[in-house]
Amino acid sequence: MSAPIEVNIPHSLGKAAVRDRLDGGIGKIGRLIPGGAGVEHRWEGDTMHFTVTAMGQAVGCRATVSDSNVHAVVDLPGFLGLFAGKIRDVIQAEGPKLLK
C-alpha cells in the first residue's frame, strides 16, 4: 500500500452543517470516476468512513469534521499510488464542492 493522501478542506459552516452536506453529497464521488463507482459510508463520531469501489478496486477513505476544516485521508491500494498526485488534485478541487 502506498502512503495515504491527506487533504484539509477549510469551512465555516459548523460541524452539523458539514455532516449534513457530506451525507447528501457523498454519492457524487461515484460520478467523478470514469465509468462510475459505488460509494458506501458510515459515521463514527465526527469521522465519516467511506469506501469507493470502481474498476475492481476498493479505496478506503475517512473524513474527520472539526469546527474549521474537514481532514480527509485516502488509503490508495497498490498501483493506484501511481496516481496519488492526480487524485490529490481532484480531491482539493472537488472536495469543497461537497460542502456547498
N, C-alpha and C. Protein backbone atom coordinates (compact mmCIF):
# COMPACT_ATOMS: atom_id res chain seq x y z
N MET A 1 0.85 -1.17 0.00
CA MET A 1 0.00 0.00 0.00
C MET A 1 0.89 1.23 0.00
N SER A 2 0.48 2.24 -0.77
CA SER A 2 1.23 3.49 -0.83
C SER A 2 0.86 4.38 0.36
N ALA A 3 1.62 5.44 0.54
CA ALA A 3 1.32 6.39 1.62
C ALA A 3 -0.05 7.01 1.37
N PRO A 4 -0.81 7.23 2.42
CA PRO A 4 -2.15 7.81 2.23
C PRO A 4 -2.07 9.27 1.76
N ILE A 5 -3.09 9.67 1.06
CA ILE A 5 -3.26 11.07 0.67
C ILE A 5 -3.99 11.76 1.81
N GLU A 6 -3.52 12.93 2.23
CA GLU A 6 -4.19 13.69 3.27
C GLU A 6 -4.44 15.10 2.77
N VAL A 7 -5.68 15.56 2.93
CA VAL A 7 -6.08 16.88 2.47
C VAL A 7 -6.95 17.54 3.53
N ASN A 8 -6.72 18.82 3.78
CA ASN A 8 -7.59 19.60 4.67
C ASN A 8 -8.45 20.53 3.82
N ILE A 9 -9.76 20.49 4.08
CA ILE A 9 -10.71 21.34 3.37
C ILE A 9 -11.32 22.29 4.39
N PRO A 10 -10.96 23.57 4.33
CA PRO A 10 -11.49 24.52 5.31
C PRO A 10 -12.98 24.79 5.10
N HIS A 11 -13.65 25.16 6.20
CA HIS A 11 -15.06 25.53 6.13
C HIS A 11 -15.38 26.46 7.29
N SER A 12 -16.53 27.10 7.19
CA SER A 12 -17.02 27.95 8.29
C SER A 12 -18.50 27.67 8.54
N LEU A 13 -18.89 26.40 8.36
CA LEU A 13 -20.29 26.00 8.40
C LEU A 13 -20.76 25.45 9.74
N GLY A 14 -19.86 25.00 10.58
CA GLY A 14 -20.24 24.27 11.78
C GLY A 14 -20.30 22.78 11.48
N LYS A 15 -20.03 21.98 12.50
CA LYS A 15 -19.96 20.53 12.31
C LYS A 15 -21.25 19.92 11.78
N ALA A 16 -22.39 20.31 12.36
CA ALA A 16 -23.67 19.71 11.96
C ALA A 16 -23.96 19.96 10.49
N ALA A 17 -23.74 21.19 10.01
CA ALA A 17 -23.99 21.51 8.62
C ALA A 17 -23.06 20.72 7.69
N VAL A 18 -21.80 20.59 8.08
CA VAL A 18 -20.85 19.83 7.26
C VAL A 18 -21.27 18.37 7.19
N ARG A 19 -21.65 17.80 8.31
CA ARG A 19 -22.10 16.39 8.31
C ARG A 19 -23.30 16.22 7.38
N ASP A 20 -24.26 17.12 7.44
CA ASP A 20 -25.44 17.03 6.57
C ASP A 20 -25.04 17.11 5.11
N ARG A 21 -24.14 18.01 4.79
CA ARG A 21 -23.73 18.17 3.39
C ARG A 21 -22.92 16.99 2.90
N LEU A 22 -22.08 16.44 3.76
CA LEU A 22 -21.34 15.24 3.36
C LEU A 22 -22.29 14.06 3.15
N ASP A 23 -23.26 13.90 4.04
CA ASP A 23 -24.24 12.83 3.88
C ASP A 23 -24.98 12.96 2.55
N GLY A 24 -25.36 14.17 2.21
CA GLY A 24 -26.11 14.41 0.98
C GLY A 24 -25.28 14.39 -0.28
N GLY A 25 -23.98 14.62 -0.16
CA GLY A 25 -23.14 14.74 -1.35
C GLY A 25 -22.17 13.61 -1.60
N ILE A 26 -22.04 12.69 -0.66
CA ILE A 26 -21.01 11.65 -0.80
C ILE A 26 -21.21 10.79 -2.05
N GLY A 27 -22.45 10.60 -2.46
CA GLY A 27 -22.72 9.81 -3.67
C GLY A 27 -22.19 10.45 -4.94
N LYS A 28 -21.93 11.76 -4.91
CA LYS A 28 -21.41 12.46 -6.09
C LYS A 28 -20.02 11.98 -6.46
N ILE A 29 -19.31 11.41 -5.52
CA ILE A 29 -17.95 10.93 -5.80
C ILE A 29 -17.97 9.90 -6.92
N GLY A 30 -18.94 9.02 -6.91
CA GLY A 30 -19.04 7.99 -7.94
C GLY A 30 -19.15 8.55 -9.34
N ARG A 31 -19.76 9.72 -9.47
CA ARG A 31 -19.92 10.34 -10.79
C ARG A 31 -18.64 11.01 -11.29
N LEU A 32 -17.68 11.22 -10.41
CA LEU A 32 -16.41 11.82 -10.81
C LEU A 32 -15.46 10.81 -11.43
N ILE A 33 -15.75 9.54 -11.25
CA ILE A 33 -14.87 8.47 -11.72
C ILE A 33 -15.38 7.96 -13.06
N PRO A 34 -14.52 7.94 -14.09
CA PRO A 34 -14.96 7.42 -15.40
C PRO A 34 -15.53 6.01 -15.25
N GLY A 35 -16.70 5.80 -15.80
CA GLY A 35 -17.36 4.50 -15.69
C GLY A 35 -18.20 4.36 -14.43
N GLY A 36 -18.12 5.35 -13.53
CA GLY A 36 -18.91 5.33 -12.30
C GLY A 36 -18.26 4.50 -11.22
N ALA A 37 -18.81 4.61 -10.02
CA ALA A 37 -18.28 3.89 -8.86
C ALA A 37 -19.36 3.75 -7.82
N GLY A 38 -19.18 2.79 -6.93
CA GLY A 38 -20.07 2.62 -5.80
C GLY A 38 -19.46 3.28 -4.58
N VAL A 39 -20.30 3.87 -3.75
CA VAL A 39 -19.81 4.54 -2.54
C VAL A 39 -20.67 4.10 -1.36
N GLU A 40 -20.02 3.61 -0.32
CA GLU A 40 -20.70 3.26 0.93
C GLU A 40 -20.07 4.07 2.05
N HIS A 41 -20.91 4.51 3.01
CA HIS A 41 -20.34 5.30 4.11
C HIS A 41 -21.07 5.03 5.42
N ARG A 42 -20.35 5.36 6.50
CA ARG A 42 -20.91 5.26 7.85
C ARG A 42 -20.17 6.27 8.72
N TRP A 43 -20.83 6.70 9.78
CA TRP A 43 -20.23 7.66 10.70
C TRP A 43 -19.81 6.98 11.99
N GLU A 44 -18.67 7.39 12.53
CA GLU A 44 -18.22 7.05 13.88
C GLU A 44 -17.84 8.37 14.52
N GLY A 45 -18.71 8.90 15.34
CA GLY A 45 -18.48 10.22 15.93
C GLY A 45 -18.43 11.27 14.84
N ASP A 46 -17.36 12.04 14.81
CA ASP A 46 -17.21 13.09 13.80
C ASP A 46 -16.43 12.62 12.57
N THR A 47 -16.22 11.32 12.44
CA THR A 47 -15.47 10.78 11.30
C THR A 47 -16.38 9.93 10.42
N MET A 48 -16.44 10.31 9.15
CA MET A 48 -17.15 9.51 8.15
C MET A 48 -16.14 8.55 7.53
N HIS A 49 -16.43 7.27 7.61
CA HIS A 49 -15.62 6.26 6.93
C HIS A 49 -16.38 5.90 5.67
N PHE A 50 -15.68 5.91 4.53
CA PHE A 50 -16.36 5.54 3.30
C PHE A 50 -15.42 4.78 2.38
N THR A 51 -16.04 3.97 1.53
CA THR A 51 -15.30 3.15 0.58
C THR A 51 -15.82 3.46 -0.81
N VAL A 52 -14.90 3.72 -1.72
CA VAL A 52 -15.24 3.95 -3.12
C VAL A 52 -14.75 2.72 -3.88
N THR A 53 -15.66 2.08 -4.61
CA THR A 53 -15.32 0.87 -5.35
C THR A 53 -15.53 1.13 -6.84
N ALA A 54 -14.47 0.91 -7.63
CA ALA A 54 -14.53 1.10 -9.08
C ALA A 54 -13.47 0.27 -9.75
N MET A 55 -13.77 -0.23 -10.92
CA MET A 55 -12.82 -0.99 -11.73
C MET A 55 -12.12 -2.08 -10.94
N GLY A 56 -12.83 -2.75 -10.07
CA GLY A 56 -12.27 -3.84 -9.30
C GLY A 56 -11.40 -3.44 -8.13
N GLN A 57 -11.33 -2.16 -7.83
CA GLN A 57 -10.52 -1.66 -6.73
C GLN A 57 -11.41 -1.02 -5.67
N ALA A 58 -11.08 -1.22 -4.41
CA ALA A 58 -11.79 -0.58 -3.31
C ALA A 58 -10.80 0.37 -2.62
N VAL A 59 -11.23 1.61 -2.44
CA VAL A 59 -10.38 2.63 -1.82
C VAL A 59 -11.03 3.05 -0.51
N GLY A 60 -10.33 2.81 0.59
CA GLY A 60 -10.82 3.19 1.90
C GLY A 60 -10.49 4.65 2.20
N CYS A 61 -11.47 5.37 2.70
CA CYS A 61 -11.29 6.80 2.97
C CYS A 61 -11.95 7.16 4.30
N ARG A 62 -11.52 8.27 4.85
CA ARG A 62 -12.18 8.81 6.04
C ARG A 62 -12.08 10.31 6.01
N ALA A 63 -13.10 10.95 6.55
CA ALA A 63 -13.15 12.41 6.61
C ALA A 63 -13.57 12.79 8.03
N THR A 64 -12.69 13.48 8.72
CA THR A 64 -12.96 13.89 10.09
C THR A 64 -13.33 15.37 10.09
N VAL A 65 -14.51 15.65 10.66
CA VAL A 65 -15.04 17.01 10.68
C VAL A 65 -14.64 17.70 11.98
N SER A 66 -14.02 18.87 11.84
CA SER A 66 -13.73 19.71 13.01
C SER A 66 -14.47 21.03 12.83
N ASP A 67 -14.30 21.94 13.76
CA ASP A 67 -15.00 23.22 13.69
C ASP A 67 -14.57 24.07 12.50
N SER A 68 -13.35 23.87 12.00
CA SER A 68 -12.85 24.75 10.94
C SER A 68 -12.43 24.05 9.65
N ASN A 69 -12.35 22.71 9.66
CA ASN A 69 -11.98 22.01 8.43
C ASN A 69 -12.45 20.56 8.44
N VAL A 70 -12.33 19.96 7.27
CA VAL A 70 -12.54 18.51 7.12
C VAL A 70 -11.18 17.94 6.74
N HIS A 71 -10.70 17.00 7.54
CA HIS A 71 -9.42 16.34 7.26
C HIS A 71 -9.75 15.02 6.58
N ALA A 72 -9.40 14.94 5.29
CA ALA A 72 -9.69 13.74 4.50
C ALA A 72 -8.42 12.91 4.34
N VAL A 73 -8.57 11.59 4.50
CA VAL A 73 -7.46 10.66 4.32
C VAL A 73 -7.94 9.57 3.35
N VAL A 74 -7.15 9.34 2.32
CA VAL A 74 -7.47 8.34 1.30
C VAL A 74 -6.35 7.32 1.28
N ASP A 75 -6.69 6.07 1.55
CA ASP A 75 -5.71 4.98 1.54
C ASP A 75 -5.76 4.29 0.18
N LEU A 76 -4.76 4.57 -0.66
CA LEU A 76 -4.74 4.01 -2.01
C LEU A 76 -4.12 2.62 -2.03
N PRO A 77 -4.79 1.67 -2.65
CA PRO A 77 -4.20 0.34 -2.78
C PRO A 77 -3.19 0.29 -3.92
N GLY A 78 -2.18 -0.53 -3.76
CA GLY A 78 -1.20 -0.86 -4.78
C GLY A 78 -0.94 0.14 -5.88
N PHE A 79 -1.30 -0.26 -7.10
CA PHE A 79 -0.93 0.53 -8.27
C PHE A 79 -1.60 1.90 -8.33
N LEU A 80 -2.68 2.11 -7.60
CA LEU A 80 -3.32 3.42 -7.62
C LEU A 80 -2.42 4.50 -7.00
N GLY A 81 -1.42 4.07 -6.23
CA GLY A 81 -0.46 5.01 -5.68
C GLY A 81 0.27 5.79 -6.76
N LEU A 82 0.35 5.22 -7.96
CA LEU A 82 0.98 5.91 -9.08
C LEU A 82 0.23 7.18 -9.46
N PHE A 83 -1.06 7.23 -9.12
CA PHE A 83 -1.91 8.35 -9.48
C PHE A 83 -2.20 9.26 -8.29
N ALA A 84 -1.43 9.14 -7.22
CA ALA A 84 -1.70 9.88 -5.99
C ALA A 84 -1.75 11.38 -6.21
N GLY A 85 -0.84 11.93 -6.99
CA GLY A 85 -0.83 13.37 -7.23
C GLY A 85 -2.10 13.84 -7.92
N LYS A 86 -2.52 13.12 -8.94
CA LYS A 86 -3.73 13.48 -9.69
C LYS A 86 -4.96 13.33 -8.79
N ILE A 87 -5.00 12.27 -8.00
CA ILE A 87 -6.13 12.05 -7.09
C ILE A 87 -6.19 13.15 -6.04
N ARG A 88 -5.05 13.55 -5.50
CA ARG A 88 -5.00 14.65 -4.53
C ARG A 88 -5.54 15.93 -5.17
N ASP A 89 -5.13 16.21 -6.41
CA ASP A 89 -5.60 17.42 -7.10
C ASP A 89 -7.12 17.42 -7.25
N VAL A 90 -7.68 16.28 -7.59
CA VAL A 90 -9.14 16.17 -7.75
C VAL A 90 -9.83 16.38 -6.41
N ILE A 91 -9.30 15.79 -5.35
CA ILE A 91 -9.90 15.96 -4.02
C ILE A 91 -9.86 17.43 -3.61
N GLN A 92 -8.75 18.10 -3.84
CA GLN A 92 -8.64 19.51 -3.46
C GLN A 92 -9.58 20.39 -4.27
N ALA A 93 -9.82 20.03 -5.53
CA ALA A 93 -10.72 20.83 -6.37
C ALA A 93 -12.19 20.51 -6.11
N GLU A 94 -12.50 19.24 -5.93
CA GLU A 94 -13.90 18.82 -5.83
C GLU A 94 -14.40 18.72 -4.39
N GLY A 95 -13.51 18.49 -3.43
CA GLY A 95 -13.92 18.35 -2.02
C GLY A 95 -14.74 19.52 -1.51
N PRO A 96 -14.28 20.75 -1.74
CA PRO A 96 -15.06 21.90 -1.25
C PRO A 96 -16.47 21.96 -1.84
N LYS A 97 -16.66 21.44 -3.04
CA LYS A 97 -17.97 21.46 -3.69
C LYS A 97 -18.98 20.59 -2.92
N LEU A 98 -18.49 19.56 -2.23
CA LEU A 98 -19.39 18.71 -1.44
C LEU A 98 -19.98 19.47 -0.25
N LEU A 99 -19.34 20.55 0.14
CA LEU A 99 -19.80 21.32 1.30
C LEU A 99 -20.72 22.48 0.90
N LYS A 100 -20.96 22.65 -0.38
CA LYS A 100 -21.83 23.74 -0.83
C LYS A 100 -23.27 23.32 -0.90
